[in-house]
């Protein structure tokens, strides 16, 4: 089977046209006409993931985050991006990223969080004009839905920590109102705070909020920062779940490498 067949399936699911202008989704390294010996799916593409692909006989890595994101002028061994790309080329491993185009799908990245929080009546938080999915639904940034029952803020945060396997989270001051409507965005979602407020969300869950972003809550919404890796920790399994039924006799594996770059000091 050619690598192009895997790419075709991925782009039928999340077309490259859906990615943001700053993104670098798609085939980053490799030849699409090469035969595929196996697919390894991961959140990030690191040297350890390349080593895992080599050990498992996979010559295609499908990651959520593109290893080459900013402009690169030199490929040498002085930085991790170059080392990953060089090792992939040396071992004839193709690197493919499915990033903000997968973020834009209602059943994409944000589904992995919404499922665990049991959100109902889901819809896109900030739809993109002129784009629809294969079923005629809207695509765009973020997701908004409702909890089955009104929930106390403190109890909800405890529940988030349990359901999302969190050791820590950050949040704004409590609004002292029950929570029902929940907005969320896997990855960096500060750009959606205004949308969450406009749609009357009681809570917005995302990551990478800066100090001044928390002021934007303004007592109207509970903002919760759960961490970037934490918000996307199930994306690799989402990709595997999509590809496996389409290629049932072919190796589609989930990476066992923990690519979390952040550590927390605990008592």
C-alpha atoms as a PDB file:
ATOM      1  CA  UNK A   1       0.000   0.000   0.000  1.00  0.00           C
ATOM      2  CA  UNK A   2       1.320   3.433  -0.885  1.00  0.00           C
ATOM      3  CA  UNK A   3       1.659   6.162   1.731  1.00  0.00           C
ATOM      4  CA  UNK A   4      -0.558   8.271  -0.512  1.00  0.00           C
ATOM      5  CA  UNK A   5      -3.522   5.982   0.301  1.00  0.00           C
ATOM      6  CA  UNK A   6      -3.158   6.759   4.016  1.00  0.00           C
ATOM      7  CA  UNK A   7      -2.836  10.463   3.241  1.00  0.00           C
ATOM      8  CA  UNK A   8      -5.928  10.341   1.041  1.00  0.00           C
ATOM      9  CA  UNK A   9      -7.969   8.868   3.901  1.00  0.00           C
ATOM     10  CA  UNK A  10      -6.686  11.475   6.360  1.00  0.00           C
ATOM     11  CA  UNK A  11      -7.449  14.353   4.017  1.00  0.00           C
ATOM     12  CA  UNK A  12     -10.948  13.045   3.309  1.00  0.00           C
ATOM     13  CA  UNK A  13     -11.456  13.281   7.070  1.00  0.00           C
ATOM     14  CA  UNK A  14      -9.754  16.639   7.643  1.00  0.00           C
ATOM     15  CA  UNK A  15      -8.921  18.412   4.357  1.00  0.00           C
ATOM     16  CA  UNK A  16      -5.792  20.561   4.310  1.00  0.00           C
ATOM     17  CA  UNK A  17      -7.943  23.496   3.177  1.00  0.00           C
ATOM     18  CA  UNK A  18      -9.319  23.621   6.713  1.00  0.00           C
ATOM     19  CA  UNK A  19      -5.982  24.372   8.347  1.00  0.00           C
ATOM     20  CA  UNK A  20      -5.204  27.862   9.619  1.00  0.00           C
ATOM     21  CA  UNK A  21      -2.976  30.116   7.519  1.00  0.00           C
ATOM     22  CA  UNK A  22      -0.111  29.874  10.014  1.00  0.00           C
ATOM     23  CA  UNK A  23      -0.170  26.075  10.128  1.00  0.00           C
ATOM     24  CA  UNK A  24       1.994  23.457   8.407  1.00  0.00           C
ATOM     25  CA  UNK A  25      -0.245  20.395   8.213  1.00  0.00           C
ATOM     26  CA  UNK A  26       0.275  17.754   5.553  1.00  0.00           C
ATOM     27  CA  UNK A  27       3.219  15.663   4.375  1.00  0.00           C
ATOM     28  CA  UNK A  28       6.342  17.305   5.807  1.00  0.00           C
ATOM     29  CA  UNK A  29       8.952  14.636   5.030  1.00  0.00           C
ATOM     30  CA  UNK A  30       8.838  11.695   2.632  1.00  0.00           C
ATOM     31  CA  UNK A  31       7.541  10.448  -0.700  1.00  0.00           C
ATOM     32  CA  UNK A  32       3.810   9.692  -1.017  1.00  0.00           C
ATOM     33  CA  UNK A  33       4.425   7.020  -3.670  1.00  0.00           C
ATOM     34  CA  UNK A  34       6.558   4.902  -1.305  1.00  0.00           C
ATOM     35  CA  UNK A  35       5.076   1.663   0.015  1.00  0.00           C
ATOM     36  CA  UNK A  36       3.875   1.965   3.591  1.00  0.00           C
ATOM     37  CA  UNK A  37       5.120  -0.640   6.067  1.00  0.00           C
ATOM     38  CA  UNK A  38       3.080   0.635   9.004  1.00  0.00           C
ATOM     39  CA  UNK A  39       1.651   3.797  10.556  1.00  0.00           C
ATOM     40  CA  UNK A  40       2.573   5.147  13.989  1.00  0.00           C
ATOM     41  CA  UNK A  41       0.243   7.830  15.388  1.00  0.00           C
ATOM     42  CA  UNK A  42       1.372  10.348  17.997  1.00  0.00           C
ATOM     43  CA  UNK A  43       0.607  13.758  19.444  1.00  0.00           C
ATOM     44  CA  UNK A  44       4.132  15.046  18.777  1.00  0.00           C
ATOM     45  CA  UNK A  45       6.958  13.850  16.581  1.00  0.00           C
ATOM     46  CA  UNK A  46      10.122  13.593  18.677  1.00  0.00           C
ATOM     47  CA  UNK A  47      13.373  11.653  18.341  1.00  0.00           C
ATOM     48  CA  UNK A  48      11.967   9.014  20.692  1.00  0.00           C
ATOM     49  CA  UNK A  49       8.912   8.621  18.421  1.00  0.00           C
ATOM     50  CA  UNK A  50      11.215   8.187  15.401  1.00  0.00           C
ATOM     51  CA  UNK A  51      13.112   5.483  17.328  1.00  0.00           C
ATOM     52  CA  UNK A  52       9.813   3.789  18.181  1.00  0.00           C
ATOM     53  CA  UNK A  53       8.760   3.824  14.518  1.00  0.00           C
ATOM     54  CA  UNK A  54      12.077   2.245  13.539  1.00  0.00           C
ATOM     55  CA  UNK A  55      11.730  -0.477  16.181  1.00  0.00           C
ATOM     56  CA  UNK A  56       8.164  -1.279  15.094  1.00  0.00           C
ATOM     57  CA  UNK A  57       8.814  -1.228  11.356  1.00  0.00           C
ATOM     58  CA  UNK A  58       6.620   1.799  10.633  1.00  0.00           C
ATOM     59  CA  UNK A  59       7.748   4.164   7.890  1.00  0.00           C
ATOM     60  CA  UNK A  60       4.927   6.702   8.318  1.00  0.00           C
ATOM     61  CA  UNK A  61       4.382   8.793  11.437  1.00  0.00           C
ATOM     62  CA  UNK A  62       1.104  10.701  11.652  1.00  0.00           C
ATOM     63  CA  UNK A  63       1.346  13.323  14.390  1.00  0.00           C
ATOM     64  CA  UNK A  64      -1.014  16.065  15.450  1.00  0.00           C
ATOM     65  CA  UNK A  65       1.648  18.742  15.876  1.00  0.00           C
ATOM     66  CA  UNK A  66       3.875  19.472  12.854  1.00  0.00           C
ATOM     67  CA  UNK A  67       7.557  18.971  13.670  1.00  0.00           C
ATOM     68  CA  UNK A  68       8.392  21.822  11.260  1.00  0.00           C
ATOM     69  CA  UNK A  69       6.180  24.723  12.256  1.00  0.00           C
ATOM     70  CA  UNK A  70       8.276  27.870  11.888  1.00  0.00           C
ATOM     71  CA  UNK A  71      10.630  28.714   9.065  1.00  0.00           C
ATOM     72  CA  UNK A  72      13.828  26.660   9.210  1.00  0.00           C
ATOM     73  CA  UNK A  73      16.981  27.940   7.484  1.00  0.00           C
ATOM     74  CA  UNK A  74      19.407  25.236   8.545  1.00  0.00           C
ATOM     75  CA  UNK A  75      19.075  21.513   9.163  1.00  0.00           C
ATOM     76  CA  UNK A  76      21.878  20.402  11.466  1.00  0.00           C
ATOM     77  CA  UNK A  77      22.094  18.657  14.809  1.00  0.00           C
ATOM     78  CA  UNK A  78      21.891  21.827  16.909  1.00  0.00           C
ATOM     79  CA  UNK A  79      18.150  21.699  17.600  1.00  0.00           C
ATOM     80  CA  UNK A  80      15.524  19.009  18.112  1.00  0.00           C
ATOM     81  CA  UNK A  81      13.538  19.872  14.962  1.00  0.00           C
ATOM     82  CA  UNK A  82      16.556  19.314  12.728  1.00  0.00           C
ATOM     83  CA  UNK A  83      17.522  16.114  14.529  1.00  0.00           C
ATOM     84  CA  UNK A  84      14.033  14.664  14.066  1.00  0.00           C
ATOM     85  CA  UNK A  85      13.884  15.552  10.369  1.00  0.00           C
ATOM     86  CA  UNK A  86      17.398  14.259   9.679  1.00  0.00           C
ATOM     87  CA  UNK A  87      16.737  10.971  11.488  1.00  0.00           C
ATOM     88  CA  UNK A  88      13.442  10.531   9.618  1.00  0.00           C
ATOM     89  CA  UNK A  89      15.138  11.082   6.257  1.00  0.00           C
ATOM     90  CA  UNK A  90      18.050   8.780   7.120  1.00  0.00           C
ATOM     91  CA  UNK A  91      15.609   6.004   8.011  1.00  0.00           C
ATOM     92  CA  UNK A  92      13.201   6.638   5.111  1.00  0.00           C
ATOM     93  CA  UNK A  93      10.333   7.547   7.457  1.00  0.00           C
ATOM     94  CA  UNK A  94       7.604   9.884   6.201  1.00  0.00           C
ATOM     95  CA  UNK A  95       6.234  12.524   8.582  1.00  0.00           C
ATOM     96  CA  UNK A  96       2.662  13.733   8.232  1.00  0.00           C
ATOM     97  CA  UNK A  97       0.854  16.259  10.465  1.00  0.00           C
ATOM     98  CA  UNK A  98      -2.909  16.623  10.890  1.00  0.00           C
ATOM     99  CA  UNK A  99      -3.192  19.751  13.019  1.00  0.00           C
ATOM    100  CA  UNK A 100      -5.619  22.693  12.893  1.00  0.00           C
ATOM    101  CA  UNK A 101      -7.595  20.957  10.152  1.00  0.00           C
ATOM    102  CA  UNK A 102      -8.384  18.211  12.687  1.00  0.00           C
ATOM    103  CA  UNK A 103      -9.053  20.866  15.346  1.00  0.00           C
ATOM    104  CA  UNK A 104     -11.753  22.277  13.061  1.00  0.00           C
ATOM    105  CA  UNK A 105     -13.819  19.096  12.908  1.00  0.00           C
ATOM    106  CA  UNK A 106     -16.692  18.705  15.388  1.00  0.00           C
ATOM    107  CA  UNK A 107     -15.718  15.057  15.823  1.00  0.00           C
ATOM    108  CA  UNK A 108     -12.025  15.920  15.891  1.00  0.00           C
ATOM    109  CA  UNK A 109      -9.700  16.974  18.693  1.00  0.00           C
ATOM    110  CA  UNK A 110     -12.382  18.596  20.840  1.00  0.00           C
ATOM    111  CA  UNK A 111     -14.514  15.456  20.749  1.00  0.00           C
ATOM    112  CA  UNK A 112     -11.900  13.688  22.873  1.00  0.00           C
ATOM    113  CA  UNK A 113     -12.566  16.167  25.685  1.00  0.00           C
ATOM    114  CA  UNK A 114     -16.322  16.514  25.156  1.00  0.00           C
ATOM    115  CA  UNK A 115     -16.793  12.742  25.348  1.00  0.00           C
ATOM    116  CA  UNK A 116     -15.057  12.541  28.715  1.00  0.00           C
ATOM    117  CA  UNK A 117     -17.072  15.452  30.086  1.00  0.00           C
ATOM    118  CA  UNK A 118     -20.351  13.989  28.759  1.00  0.00           C
ATOM    119  CA  UNK A 119     -21.294  17.145  26.866  1.00  0.00           C
ATOM    120  CA  UNK A 120     -24.596  17.085  24.994  1.00  0.00           C
ATOM    121  CA  UNK A 121     -25.986  19.198  22.114  1.00  0.00           C
ATOM    122  CA  UNK A 122     -22.516  19.850  20.747  1.00  0.00           C
ATOM    123  CA  UNK A 123     -21.795  22.476  18.131  1.00  0.00           C
ATOM    124  CA  UNK A 124     -18.864  24.467  16.780  1.00  0.00           C
ATOM    125  CA  UNK A 125     -17.998  27.446  18.973  1.00  0.00           C
ATOM    126  CA  UNK A 126     -16.634  29.664  16.185  1.00  0.00           C
ATOM    127  CA  UNK A 127     -17.704  28.365  12.744  1.00  0.00           C
ATOM    128  CA  UNK A 128     -15.668  29.028   9.610  1.00  0.00           C
ATOM    129  CA  UNK A 129     -17.575  30.578   6.762  1.00  0.00           C
ATOM    130  CA  UNK A 130     -17.843  28.638   3.501  1.00  0.00           C
ATOM    131  CA  UNK A 131     -16.633  25.325   4.971  1.00  0.00           C
ATOM    132  CA  UNK A 132     -18.711  22.268   5.845  1.00  0.00           C
ATOM    133  CA  UNK A 133     -17.797  18.715   6.780  1.00  0.00           C
ATOM    134  CA  UNK A 134     -18.665  15.546   4.858  1.00  0.00           C
ATOM    135  CA  UNK A 135     -22.081  15.429   6.527  1.00  0.00           C
ATOM    136  CA  UNK A 136     -22.954  19.030   5.751  1.00  0.00           C
ATOM    137  CA  UNK A 137     -22.186  20.231   9.283  1.00  0.00           C
ATOM    138  CA  UNK A 138     -20.226  23.314  10.272  1.00  0.00           C
ATOM    139  CA  UNK A 139     -16.509  23.223  10.952  1.00  0.00           C
ATOM    140  CA  UNK A 140     -14.443  25.746  12.856  1.00  0.00           C
ATOM    141  CA  UNK A 141     -12.695  26.463  16.133  1.00  0.00           C
ATOM    142  CA  UNK A 142     -13.694  25.169  19.549  1.00  0.00           C
ATOM    143  CA  UNK A 143     -16.776  23.312  20.708  1.00  0.00           C
ATOM    144  CA  UNK A 144     -19.699  24.220  22.943  1.00  0.00           C
ATOM    145  CA  UNK A 145     -22.249  21.948  24.577  1.00  0.00           C
ATOM    146  CA  UNK A 146     -24.258  21.332  27.732  1.00  0.00           C
ATOM    147  CA  UNK A 147     -23.728  19.227  30.817  1.00  0.00           C
ATOM    148  CA  UNK A 148     -26.567  16.809  31.601  1.00  0.00           C
ATOM    149  CA  UNK A 149     -27.223  18.687  34.878  1.00  0.00           C
ATOM    150  CA  UNK A 150     -26.391  22.060  36.393  1.00  0.00           C
ATOM    151  CA  UNK A 151     -23.147  21.557  38.280  1.00  0.00           C
ATOM    152  CA  UNK A 152     -21.391  23.360  41.131  1.00  0.00           C
ATOM    153  CA  UNK A 153     -18.141  25.047  40.073  1.00  0.00           C
ATOM    154  CA  UNK A 154     -15.904  23.425  42.671  1.00  0.00           C
ATOM    155  CA  UNK A 155     -17.352  19.987  42.051  1.00  0.00           C
ATOM    156  CA  UNK A 156     -16.973  20.462  38.308  1.00  0.00           C
ATOM    157  CA  UNK A 157     -13.281  21.303  38.602  1.00  0.00           C
ATOM    158  CA  UNK A 158     -12.736  18.209  40.744  1.00  0.00           C
ATOM    159  CA  UNK A 159     -14.598  16.185  38.123  1.00  0.00           C
ATOM    160  CA  UNK A 160     -12.455  17.663  35.314  1.00  0.00           C
ATOM    161  CA  UNK A 161      -9.302  16.642  37.149  1.00  0.00           C
ATOM    162  CA  UNK A 162     -10.617  13.104  37.540  1.00  0.00           C
ATOM    163  CA  UNK A 163     -11.973  12.644  34.011  1.00  0.00           C
ATOM    164  CA  UNK A 164      -8.972  14.230  32.281  1.00  0.00           C
ATOM    165  CA  UNK A 165      -6.325  12.689  34.547  1.00  0.00           C
ATOM    166  CA  UNK A 166      -4.988  16.071  35.672  1.00  0.00           C
ATOM    167  CA  UNK A 167      -2.594  16.682  38.513  1.00  0.00           C
ATOM    168  CA  UNK A 168      -3.155  20.443  38.426  1.00  0.00           C
ATOM    169  CA  UNK A 169      -5.230  23.076  36.641  1.00  0.00           C
ATOM    170  CA  UNK A 170      -5.529  26.874  36.682  1.00  0.00           C
ATOM    171  CA  UNK A 171      -8.787  28.825  36.786  1.00  0.00           C
ATOM    172  CA  UNK A 172     -10.251  32.270  37.325  1.00  0.00           C
ATOM    173  CA  UNK A 173     -12.264  33.306  40.356  1.00  0.00           C
ATOM    174  CA  UNK A 174     -15.541  31.474  40.740  1.00  0.00           C
ATOM    175  CA  UNK A 175     -18.635  33.150  39.302  1.00  0.00           C
ATOM    176  CA  UNK A 176     -20.751  31.665  42.099  1.00  0.00           C
ATOM    177  CA  UNK A 177     -23.236  30.364  39.530  1.00  0.00           C
ATOM    178  CA  UNK A 178     -24.018  26.768  38.563  1.00  0.00           C
ATOM    179  CA  UNK A 179     -22.415  25.528  35.354  1.00  0.00           C
ATOM    180  CA  UNK A 180     -24.442  24.157  32.468  1.00  0.00           C
ATOM    181  CA  UNK A 181     -23.060  25.411  29.147  1.00  0.00           C
ATOM    182  CA  UNK A 182     -19.433  24.439  28.612  1.00  0.00           C
ATOM    183  CA  UNK A 183     -17.119  25.652  25.836  1.00  0.00           C
ATOM    184  CA  UNK A 184     -13.754  24.052  25.180  1.00  0.00           C
ATOM    185  CA  UNK A 185     -10.803  24.115  22.834  1.00  0.00           C
ATOM    186  CA  UNK A 186      -7.981  21.581  22.810  1.00  0.00           C
ATOM    187  CA  UNK A 187      -4.601  23.279  22.551  1.00  0.00           C
ATOM    188  CA  UNK A 188      -4.157  27.054  22.734  1.00  0.00           C
ATOM    189  CA  UNK A 189      -7.592  28.659  22.834  1.00  0.00           C
ATOM    190  CA  UNK A 190      -7.299  32.162  24.263  1.00  0.00           C
ATOM    191  CA  UNK A 191      -8.511  33.592  20.937  1.00  0.00           C
ATOM    192  CA  UNK A 192     -11.927  32.034  21.644  1.00  0.00           C
ATOM    193  CA  UNK A 193     -12.626  33.639  25.024  1.00  0.00           C
ATOM    194  CA  UNK A 194     -14.801  36.341  23.426  1.00  0.00           C
ATOM    195  CA  UNK A 195     -16.743  33.703  21.460  1.00  0.00           C
ATOM    196  CA  UNK A 196     -17.350  31.654  24.603  1.00  0.00           C
ATOM    197  CA  UNK A 197     -18.681  34.733  26.404  1.00  0.00           C
ATOM    198  CA  UNK A 198     -20.811  35.752  23.412  1.00  0.00           C
ATOM    199  CA  UNK A 199     -22.448  32.313  23.357  1.00  0.00           C
ATOM    200  CA  UNK A 200     -23.189  32.565  27.095  1.00  0.00           C
ATOM    201  CA  UNK A 201     -20.908  29.709  28.096  1.00  0.00           C
ATOM    202  CA  UNK A 202     -20.645  29.312  31.852  1.00  0.00           C
ATOM    203  CA  UNK A 203     -17.155  27.838  31.563  1.00  0.00           C
ATOM    204  CA  UNK A 204     -14.411  27.724  28.928  1.00  0.00           C
ATOM    205  CA  UNK A 205     -11.786  24.969  29.115  1.00  0.00           C
ATOM    206  CA  UNK A 206      -8.568  25.322  27.118  1.00  0.00           C
ATOM    207  CA  UNK A 207      -4.814  25.748  27.607  1.00  0.00           C
ATOM    208  CA  UNK A 208      -1.886  28.161  27.311  1.00  0.00           C
ATOM    209  CA  UNK A 209      -3.755  31.109  28.825  1.00  0.00           C
ATOM    210  CA  UNK A 210      -1.480  34.039  29.617  1.00  0.00           C
ATOM    211  CA  UNK A 211      -1.735  36.124  32.760  1.00  0.00           C
ATOM    212  CA  UNK A 212      -3.774  38.887  31.131  1.00  0.00           C
ATOM    213  CA  UNK A 213      -6.090  36.391  29.424  1.00  0.00           C
ATOM    214  CA  UNK A 214      -7.535  35.492  32.819  1.00  0.00           C
ATOM    215  CA  UNK A 215      -8.722  39.079  33.308  1.00  0.00           C
ATOM    216  CA  UNK A 216     -10.976  38.663  30.263  1.00  0.00           C
ATOM    217  CA  UNK A 217     -13.288  36.457  32.295  1.00  0.00           C
ATOM    218  CA  UNK A 218     -14.468  39.673  33.949  1.00  0.00           C
ATOM    219  CA  UNK A 219     -16.640  37.709  36.384  1.00  0.00           C
ATOM    220  CA  UNK A 220     -18.851  36.481  33.527  1.00  0.00           C
ATOM    221  CA  UNK A 221     -17.298  33.081  32.835  1.00  0.00           C
ATOM    222  CA  UNK A 222     -15.095  30.513  34.541  1.00  0.00           C
ATOM    223  CA  UNK A 223     -11.870  30.114  32.550  1.00  0.00           C
ATOM    224  CA  UNK A 224      -9.975  26.873  33.070  1.00  0.00           C
ATOM    225  CA  UNK A 225      -6.452  26.153  31.790  1.00  0.00           C
ATOM    226  CA  UNK A 226      -5.760  22.419  31.889  1.00  0.00           C
ATOM    227  CA  UNK A 227      -2.418  22.380  30.032  1.00  0.00           C
ATOM    228  CA  UNK A 228      -1.640  21.887  26.349  1.00  0.00           C
ATOM    229  CA  UNK A 229      -0.541  18.244  26.368  1.00  0.00           C
ATOM    230  CA  UNK A 230      -3.346  17.415  28.788  1.00  0.00           C
ATOM    231  CA  UNK A 231      -5.969  18.897  26.469  1.00  0.00           C
ATOM    232  CA  UNK A 232      -4.773  16.834  23.500  1.00  0.00           C
ATOM    233  CA  UNK A 233      -3.551  13.641  25.163  1.00  0.00           C
ATOM    234  CA  UNK A 234      -6.108  11.459  23.352  1.00  0.00           C
ATOM    235  CA  UNK A 235      -5.566  12.778  19.815  1.00  0.00           C
ATOM    236  CA  UNK A 236      -3.270   9.917  18.781  1.00  0.00           C
ATOM    237  CA  UNK A 237      -5.908   7.367  19.801  1.00  0.00           C
ATOM    238  CA  UNK A 238      -8.505   9.398  17.849  1.00  0.00           C
ATOM    239  CA  UNK A 239      -6.385   9.122  14.680  1.00  0.00           C
ATOM    240  CA  UNK A 240      -5.863   5.390  15.228  1.00  0.00           C
ATOM    241  CA  UNK A 241      -9.609   4.884  15.733  1.00  0.00           C
ATOM    242  CA  UNK A 242     -10.266   6.618  12.409  1.00  0.00           C
ATOM    243  CA  UNK A 243      -7.629   4.801  10.360  1.00  0.00           C
ATOM    244  CA  UNK A 244      -7.938   1.239  11.686  1.00  0.00           C
ATOM    245  CA  UNK A 245     -11.416   0.468  10.265  1.00  0.00           C
ATOM    246  CA  UNK A 246     -10.300   1.815   6.886  1.00  0.00           C
ATOM    247  CA  UNK A 247      -7.155  -0.332   6.832  1.00  0.00           C
ATOM    248  CA  UNK A 248      -8.113  -3.374   8.960  1.00  0.00           C
ATOM    249  CA  UNK A 249      -5.318  -5.630   7.706  1.00  0.00           C
ATOM    250  CA  UNK A 250      -2.614  -3.007   8.069  1.00  0.00           C
ATOM    251  CA  UNK A 251      -0.531  -1.948  11.094  1.00  0.00           C
ATOM    252  CA  UNK A 252      -1.922   1.316  12.517  1.00  0.00           C
ATOM    253  CA  UNK A 253      -0.339   1.770  15.926  1.00  0.00           C
ATOM    254  CA  UNK A 254      -0.589   4.330  18.715  1.00  0.00           C
ATOM    255  CA  UNK A 255       2.731   5.610  19.989  1.00  0.00           C
ATOM    256  CA  UNK A 256       3.648   4.567  23.522  1.00  0.00           C
ATOM    257  CA  UNK A 257       6.036   7.515  23.912  1.00  0.00           C
ATOM    258  CA  UNK A 258       4.926  10.159  26.406  1.00  0.00           C
ATOM    259  CA  UNK A 259       5.826  13.429  24.669  1.00  0.00           C
ATOM    260  CA  UNK A 260       4.710  15.679  27.544  1.00  0.00           C
ATOM    261  CA  UNK A 261       7.476  18.340  27.773  1.00  0.00           C
ATOM    262  CA  UNK A 262       6.207  19.878  31.020  1.00  0.00           C
ATOM    263  CA  UNK A 263       6.882  18.498  34.498  1.00  0.00           C
ATOM    264  CA  UNK A 264       5.112  19.487  37.721  1.00  0.00           C
ATOM    265  CA  UNK A 265       6.796  19.564  41.118  1.00  0.00           C
ATOM    266  CA  UNK A 266       4.546  17.782  43.587  1.00  0.00           C
ATOM    267  CA  UNK A 267       4.767  17.475  47.357  1.00  0.00           C
END
